[in-house]
Amino acid sequence: MKYKPTLFLKGETSQTAKAFVAYAEGYAIASHGMQKRKYTGEPYVNHCIAVAETVASVSDDAEIIAAALLHDTLEDTSKTFTDLLLDFGPRVASLVLEVTDVSRLADGNRAARKKIDLYHLARTSAAAATIKLADMIDNSRSILAHDEGFARVYIPEKSAVLAVLQHGDKTLFNAADGILQDALLQLSIANAS
């Protein structure tokens, strides 16, 4: 794949900030490698880029945008927190850690694991909540469009998550809330037919 950096930062942003975000994008591309999105078969990193673009629509903070690009790195690649700490510094590494699921299969069934992750997300910073909102927006749209059966599980879970992310960006919170409300309505209509 030929790498062409996406221009996330707008306006009068320093070259250093732009280079930092471009480095994070390249890092995400390399880390996720040949991973594919479950429903579309497109490169997984496209999801990371979509999340970062959504975050960039409400923030020009290069570290938050970099963390959005890297938000699935700890869950889905061989990279570690130490790798991120050394490559991006403590703030980016910490933001990625904040949005990373902390539950493990040994913690019980899906409901038990989601409860653990919900408690973890409730304690996040505003910046991490903003990243998680952007992640929820992209994932909800994809799952609703491609897997109505799983959407019936996923969308109610995300409604519970949304309740603990009220400290994130208000524009993204409202967008996520609208998507989830529309999804619940769509699923209830589909269920009635």
C-alpha atoms as a PDB file:
ATOM      1  CA  MET A   1       0.000   0.000   0.000  1.00  0.00           C
ATOM      2  CA  LYS A   2       1.378   3.397  -0.926  1.00  0.00           C
ATOM      3  CA  TYR A   3       1.357   5.662   2.106  1.00  0.00           C
ATOM      4  CA  LYS A   4      -0.115   9.119   1.704  1.00  0.00           C
ATOM      5  CA  PRO A   5      -0.514  11.024   4.976  1.00  0.00           C
ATOM      6  CA  THR A   6      -3.973  12.309   5.691  1.00  0.00           C
ATOM      7  CA  LEU A   7      -4.045  15.970   6.616  1.00  0.00           C
ATOM      8  CA  PHE A   8      -5.895  15.931   9.929  1.00  0.00           C
ATOM      9  CA  LEU A   9      -4.654  19.213  11.297  1.00  0.00           C
ATOM     10  CA  LYS A  10      -6.132  22.299   9.740  1.00  0.00           C
ATOM     11  CA  GLY A  11      -5.229  25.952   9.887  1.00  0.00           C
ATOM     12  CA  GLU A  12      -2.049  27.339  11.361  1.00  0.00           C
ATOM     13  CA  THR A  13      -0.679  24.188  12.912  1.00  0.00           C
ATOM     14  CA  SER A  14       3.039  23.742  13.334  1.00  0.00           C
ATOM     15  CA  GLN A  15       4.981  21.476  11.004  1.00  0.00           C
ATOM     16  CA  THR A  16       6.080  19.537  14.088  1.00  0.00           C
ATOM     17  CA  ALA A  17       2.458  18.776  15.015  1.00  0.00           C
ATOM     18  CA  LYS A  18       1.643  17.755  11.449  1.00  0.00           C
ATOM     19  CA  ALA A  19       4.715  15.504  11.313  1.00  0.00           C
ATOM     20  CA  PHE A  20       3.754  13.953  14.671  1.00  0.00           C
ATOM     21  CA  VAL A  21       0.261  13.074  13.419  1.00  0.00           C
ATOM     22  CA  ALA A  22       1.643  11.789  10.114  1.00  0.00           C
ATOM     23  CA  TYR A  23       4.088   9.608  12.077  1.00  0.00           C
ATOM     24  CA  ALA A  24       1.197   8.227  14.164  1.00  0.00           C
ATOM     25  CA  GLU A  25      -0.756   7.464  10.998  1.00  0.00           C
ATOM     26  CA  GLY A  26       2.178   5.618   9.460  1.00  0.00           C
ATOM     27  CA  TYR A  27       2.717   3.764  12.739  1.00  0.00           C
ATOM     28  CA  ALA A  28      -0.932   2.676  12.795  1.00  0.00           C
ATOM     29  CA  ILE A  29      -0.715   1.520   9.180  1.00  0.00           C
ATOM     30  CA  ALA A  30       2.431  -0.504   9.890  1.00  0.00           C
ATOM     31  CA  SER A  31       1.126  -1.895  13.208  1.00  0.00           C
ATOM     32  CA  HIS A  32      -2.217  -3.074  11.842  1.00  0.00           C
ATOM     33  CA  GLY A  33      -0.499  -4.458   8.758  1.00  0.00           C
ATOM     34  CA  MET A  34      -2.765  -6.673   6.698  1.00  0.00           C
ATOM     35  CA  GLN A  35      -5.646  -6.739   9.216  1.00  0.00           C
ATOM     36  CA  LYS A  36      -9.064  -6.379   7.586  1.00  0.00           C
ATOM     37  CA  ARG A  37     -12.389  -4.989   8.802  1.00  0.00           C
ATOM     38  CA  LYS A  38     -14.782  -7.803   9.605  1.00  0.00           C
ATOM     39  CA  TYR A  39     -17.703  -6.732   7.434  1.00  0.00           C
ATOM     40  CA  THR A  40     -16.128  -4.865   4.561  1.00  0.00           C
ATOM     41  CA  GLY A  41     -12.761  -6.535   4.060  1.00  0.00           C
ATOM     42  CA  GLU A  42     -11.133  -3.108   3.793  1.00  0.00           C
ATOM     43  CA  PRO A  43      -7.827  -2.446   5.611  1.00  0.00           C
ATOM     44  CA  TYR A  44      -8.479  -2.231   9.362  1.00  0.00           C
ATOM     45  CA  VAL A  45      -6.449   0.946   9.612  1.00  0.00           C
ATOM     46  CA  ASN A  46      -9.219   2.735   7.683  1.00  0.00           C
ATOM     47  CA  HIS A  47     -11.257   2.533  10.892  1.00  0.00           C
ATOM     48  CA  CYS A  48      -8.390   4.124  12.856  1.00  0.00           C
ATOM     49  CA  ILE A  49      -8.155   6.911  10.276  1.00  0.00           C
ATOM     50  CA  ALA A  50     -11.932   7.482  10.372  1.00  0.00           C
ATOM     51  CA  VAL A  51     -11.813   7.782  14.171  1.00  0.00           C
ATOM     52  CA  ALA A  52      -8.927  10.265  13.957  1.00  0.00           C
ATOM     53  CA  GLU A  53     -10.735  12.303  11.300  1.00  0.00           C
ATOM     54  CA  THR A  54     -13.794  12.482  13.539  1.00  0.00           C
ATOM     55  CA  VAL A  55     -11.658  13.611  16.481  1.00  0.00           C
ATOM     56  CA  ALA A  56      -9.896  16.144  14.241  1.00  0.00           C
ATOM     57  CA  SER A  57     -13.288  17.642  13.381  1.00  0.00           C
ATOM     58  CA  VAL A  58     -13.514  18.864  16.994  1.00  0.00           C
ATOM     59  CA  SER A  59      -9.866  19.190  18.083  1.00  0.00           C
ATOM     60  CA  ASP A  60      -6.556  20.424  16.695  1.00  0.00           C
ATOM     61  CA  ASP A  61      -4.598  18.753  19.510  1.00  0.00           C
ATOM     62  CA  ALA A  62      -1.966  16.633  17.738  1.00  0.00           C
ATOM     63  CA  GLU A  63      -1.574  14.250  20.682  1.00  0.00           C
ATOM     64  CA  ILE A  64      -5.298  13.502  20.883  1.00  0.00           C
ATOM     65  CA  ILE A  65      -5.463  12.940  17.123  1.00  0.00           C
ATOM     66  CA  ALA A  66      -2.377  10.686  17.293  1.00  0.00           C
ATOM     67  CA  ALA A  67      -3.983   8.692  20.118  1.00  0.00           C
ATOM     68  CA  ALA A  68      -7.149   8.356  18.018  1.00  0.00           C
ATOM     69  CA  LEU A  69      -5.063   6.902  15.182  1.00  0.00           C
ATOM     70  CA  LEU A  70      -3.495   4.473  17.651  1.00  0.00           C
ATOM     71  CA  HIS A  71      -6.608   3.736  19.723  1.00  0.00           C
ATOM     72  CA  ASP A  72      -6.760   0.011  18.811  1.00  0.00           C
ATOM     73  CA  THR A  73      -3.010  -0.592  18.833  1.00  0.00           C
ATOM     74  CA  LEU A  74      -2.854  -2.218  22.276  1.00  0.00           C
ATOM     75  CA  GLU A  75      -5.922  -4.400  21.692  1.00  0.00           C
ATOM     76  CA  ASP A  76      -5.240  -5.521  18.141  1.00  0.00           C
ATOM     77  CA  THR A  77      -1.488  -5.495  17.466  1.00  0.00           C
ATOM     78  CA  SER A  78       1.717  -6.723  19.070  1.00  0.00           C
ATOM     79  CA  LYS A  79       2.617  -3.195  20.223  1.00  0.00           C
ATOM     80  CA  THR A  80       2.796  -2.621  23.968  1.00  0.00           C
ATOM     81  CA  PHE A  81       2.183   0.347  26.235  1.00  0.00           C
ATOM     82  CA  THR A  82       5.961   0.669  26.562  1.00  0.00           C
ATOM     83  CA  ASP A  83       6.300   0.829  22.769  1.00  0.00           C
ATOM     84  CA  LEU A  84       3.775   3.665  22.625  1.00  0.00           C
ATOM     85  CA  LEU A  85       5.395   5.408  25.575  1.00  0.00           C
ATOM     86  CA  LEU A  86       8.804   5.352  23.899  1.00  0.00           C
ATOM     87  CA  ASP A  87       7.498   6.257  20.437  1.00  0.00           C
ATOM     88  CA  PHE A  88       4.863   8.881  21.337  1.00  0.00           C
ATOM     89  CA  GLY A  89       5.349   9.959  24.935  1.00  0.00           C
ATOM     90  CA  PRO A  90       3.293   9.596  28.100  1.00  0.00           C
ATOM     91  CA  ARG A  91       0.168  11.523  27.091  1.00  0.00           C
ATOM     92  CA  VAL A  92      -0.510   9.616  23.861  1.00  0.00           C
ATOM     93  CA  ALA A  93       0.331   6.261  25.446  1.00  0.00           C
ATOM     94  CA  SER A  94      -1.951   7.018  28.399  1.00  0.00           C
ATOM     95  CA  LEU A  95      -4.826   8.095  26.151  1.00  0.00           C
ATOM     96  CA  VAL A  96      -4.559   4.852  24.180  1.00  0.00           C
ATOM     97  CA  LEU A  97      -4.503   2.880  27.429  1.00  0.00           C
ATOM     98  CA  GLU A  98      -7.600   4.735  28.658  1.00  0.00           C
ATOM     99  CA  VAL A  99      -9.647   3.653  25.612  1.00  0.00           C
ATOM    100  CA  THR A 100      -8.331   0.083  25.565  1.00  0.00           C
ATOM    101  CA  ASP A 101     -10.637  -2.625  26.922  1.00  0.00           C
ATOM    102  CA  VAL A 102      -9.271  -3.949  30.205  1.00  0.00           C
ATOM    103  CA  SER A 103     -11.428  -7.073  30.492  1.00  0.00           C
ATOM    104  CA  ARG A 104     -10.133 -10.492  29.495  1.00  0.00           C
ATOM    105  CA  LEU A 105     -11.933 -13.695  28.502  1.00  0.00           C
ATOM    106  CA  ALA A 106     -11.185 -15.092  31.966  1.00  0.00           C
ATOM    107  CA  ASP A 107     -13.350 -12.318  33.473  1.00  0.00           C
ATOM    108  CA  GLY A 108     -16.540 -14.113  32.461  1.00  0.00           C
ATOM    109  CA  ASN A 109     -19.201 -13.848  29.810  1.00  0.00           C
ATOM    110  CA  ARG A 110     -19.648 -10.876  27.479  1.00  0.00           C
ATOM    111  CA  ALA A 111     -21.961  -9.044  29.888  1.00  0.00           C
ATOM    112  CA  ALA A 112     -19.453  -9.366  32.757  1.00  0.00           C
ATOM    113  CA  ARG A 113     -16.568  -8.197  30.552  1.00  0.00           C
ATOM    114  CA  LYS A 114     -18.547  -5.223  29.224  1.00  0.00           C
ATOM    115  CA  LYS A 115     -19.376  -4.185  32.795  1.00  0.00           C
ATOM    116  CA  ILE A 116     -15.643  -4.150  33.647  1.00  0.00           C
ATOM    117  CA  ASP A 117     -14.870  -2.120  30.519  1.00  0.00           C
ATOM    118  CA  LEU A 118     -17.738   0.275  31.274  1.00  0.00           C
ATOM    119  CA  TYR A 119     -16.346   0.981  34.745  1.00  0.00           C
ATOM    120  CA  HIS A 120     -12.919   1.604  33.174  1.00  0.00           C
ATOM    121  CA  LEU A 121     -14.362   4.036  30.599  1.00  0.00           C
ATOM    122  CA  ALA A 122     -16.293   5.946  33.254  1.00  0.00           C
ATOM    123  CA  ARG A 123     -12.958   7.025  34.754  1.00  0.00           C
ATOM    124  CA  THR A 124     -11.382   8.319  31.530  1.00  0.00           C
ATOM    125  CA  SER A 125     -10.200  11.833  30.789  1.00  0.00           C
ATOM    126  CA  ALA A 126     -12.283  14.125  28.570  1.00  0.00           C
ATOM    127  CA  ALA A 127      -9.795  13.578  25.716  1.00  0.00           C
ATOM    128  CA  ALA A 128     -10.069   9.781  25.985  1.00  0.00           C
ATOM    129  CA  ALA A 129     -13.871  10.004  26.160  1.00  0.00           C
ATOM    130  CA  THR A 130     -13.776  12.056  22.959  1.00  0.00           C
ATOM    131  CA  ILE A 131     -11.725   9.360  21.216  1.00  0.00           C
ATOM    132  CA  LYS A 132     -14.095   6.652  22.452  1.00  0.00           C
ATOM    133  CA  LEU A 133     -17.093   8.631  21.165  1.00  0.00           C
ATOM    134  CA  ALA A 134     -15.485   8.856  17.712  1.00  0.00           C
ATOM    135  CA  ASP A 135     -14.765   5.111  17.838  1.00  0.00           C
ATOM    136  CA  MET A 136     -18.366   4.404  18.800  1.00  0.00           C
ATOM    137  CA  ILE A 137     -19.675   6.539  15.924  1.00  0.00           C
ATOM    138  CA  ASP A 138     -17.649   4.676  13.302  1.00  0.00           C
ATOM    139  CA  ASN A 139     -18.242   1.189  14.727  1.00  0.00           C
ATOM    140  CA  SER A 140     -21.978   1.732  15.245  1.00  0.00           C
ATOM    141  CA  ARG A 141     -22.501   2.809  11.654  1.00  0.00           C
ATOM    142  CA  SER A 142     -20.539  -0.171  10.330  1.00  0.00           C
ATOM    143  CA  ILE A 143     -22.168  -2.792  12.527  1.00  0.00           C
ATOM    144  CA  LEU A 144     -25.662  -1.460  11.909  1.00  0.00           C
ATOM    145  CA  ALA A 145     -25.087  -1.472   8.149  1.00  0.00           C
ATOM    146  CA  HIS A 146     -23.567  -4.955   7.978  1.00  0.00           C
ATOM    147  CA  ASP A 147     -24.808  -7.139  10.856  1.00  0.00           C
ATOM    148  CA  GLU A 148     -28.298  -6.460  12.184  1.00  0.00           C
ATOM    149  CA  GLY A 149     -28.122  -9.526  14.437  1.00  0.00           C
ATOM    150  CA  PHE A 150     -24.995  -8.360  16.255  1.00  0.00           C
ATOM    151  CA  ALA A 151     -26.295  -4.765  16.226  1.00  0.00           C
ATOM    152  CA  ARG A 152     -29.108  -5.946  18.520  1.00  0.00           C
ATOM    153  CA  VAL A 153     -26.424  -6.768  21.109  1.00  0.00           C
ATOM    154  CA  TYR A 154     -23.910  -4.036  20.293  1.00  0.00           C
ATOM    155  CA  ILE A 155     -26.172  -0.957  20.118  1.00  0.00           C
ATOM    156  CA  PRO A 156     -27.708  -1.396  23.611  1.00  0.00           C
ATOM    157  CA  GLU A 157     -24.191  -1.976  25.011  1.00  0.00           C
ATOM    158  CA  LYS A 158     -23.041   1.276  23.421  1.00  0.00           C
ATOM    159  CA  SER A 159     -26.039   3.110  24.847  1.00  0.00           C
ATOM    160  CA  ALA A 160     -24.760   2.150  28.309  1.00  0.00           C
ATOM    161  CA  VAL A 161     -21.247   3.269  27.353  1.00  0.00           C
ATOM    162  CA  LEU A 162     -22.562   6.592  26.071  1.00  0.00           C
ATOM    163  CA  ALA A 163     -23.978   7.351  29.510  1.00  0.00           C
ATOM    164  CA  VAL A 164     -20.458   7.314  31.010  1.00  0.00           C
ATOM    165  CA  LEU A 165     -18.875   9.409  28.232  1.00  0.00           C
ATOM    166  CA  GLN A 166     -20.755  12.642  28.872  1.00  0.00           C
ATOM    167  CA  HIS A 167     -17.442  14.333  29.750  1.00  0.00           C
ATOM    168  CA  GLY A 168     -16.221  13.915  26.156  1.00  0.00           C
ATOM    169  CA  ASP A 169     -16.695  16.432  23.360  1.00  0.00           C
ATOM    170  CA  LYS A 170     -20.349  17.550  23.309  1.00  0.00           C
ATOM    171  CA  THR A 171     -20.607  17.604  19.501  1.00  0.00           C
ATOM    172  CA  LEU A 172     -19.403  13.992  19.270  1.00  0.00           C
ATOM    173  CA  PHE A 173     -21.543  12.983  22.253  1.00  0.00           C
ATOM    174  CA  ASN A 174     -24.641  14.371  20.507  1.00  0.00           C
ATOM    175  CA  ALA A 175     -23.661  12.697  17.218  1.00  0.00           C
ATOM    176  CA  ALA A 176     -23.162   9.334  18.933  1.00  0.00           C
ATOM    177  CA  ASP A 177     -26.437   9.722  20.812  1.00  0.00           C
ATOM    178  CA  GLY A 178     -28.268  10.470  17.549  1.00  0.00           C
ATOM    179  CA  ILE A 179     -26.742   7.454  15.810  1.00  0.00           C
ATOM    180  CA  LEU A 180     -27.625   5.152  18.703  1.00  0.00           C
ATOM    181  CA  GLN A 181     -31.182   6.499  18.978  1.00  0.00           C
ATOM    182  CA  ASP A 182     -31.699   6.069  15.226  1.00  0.00           C
ATOM    183  CA  ALA A 183     -30.220   2.570  15.424  1.00  0.00           C
ATOM    184  CA  LEU A 184     -32.507   1.559  18.286  1.00  0.00           C
ATOM    185  CA  LEU A 185     -35.497   2.846  16.316  1.00  0.00           C
ATOM    186  CA  GLN A 186     -34.362   1.063  13.157  1.00  0.00           C
ATOM    187  CA  LEU A 187     -33.819  -2.187  15.043  1.00  0.00           C
ATOM    188  CA  SER A 188     -37.218  -1.955  16.746  1.00  0.00           C
ATOM    189  CA  ILE A 189     -38.918  -1.328  13.371  1.00  0.00           C
ATOM    190  CA  ALA A 190     -37.049  -4.276  11.843  1.00  0.00           C
ATOM    191  CA  ASN A 191     -38.055  -6.397  14.828  1.00  0.00           C
ATOM    192  CA  ALA A 192     -41.730  -5.471  14.361  1.00  0.00           C
ATOM    193  CA  SER A 193     -41.828  -6.527  10.690  1.00  0.00           C
END
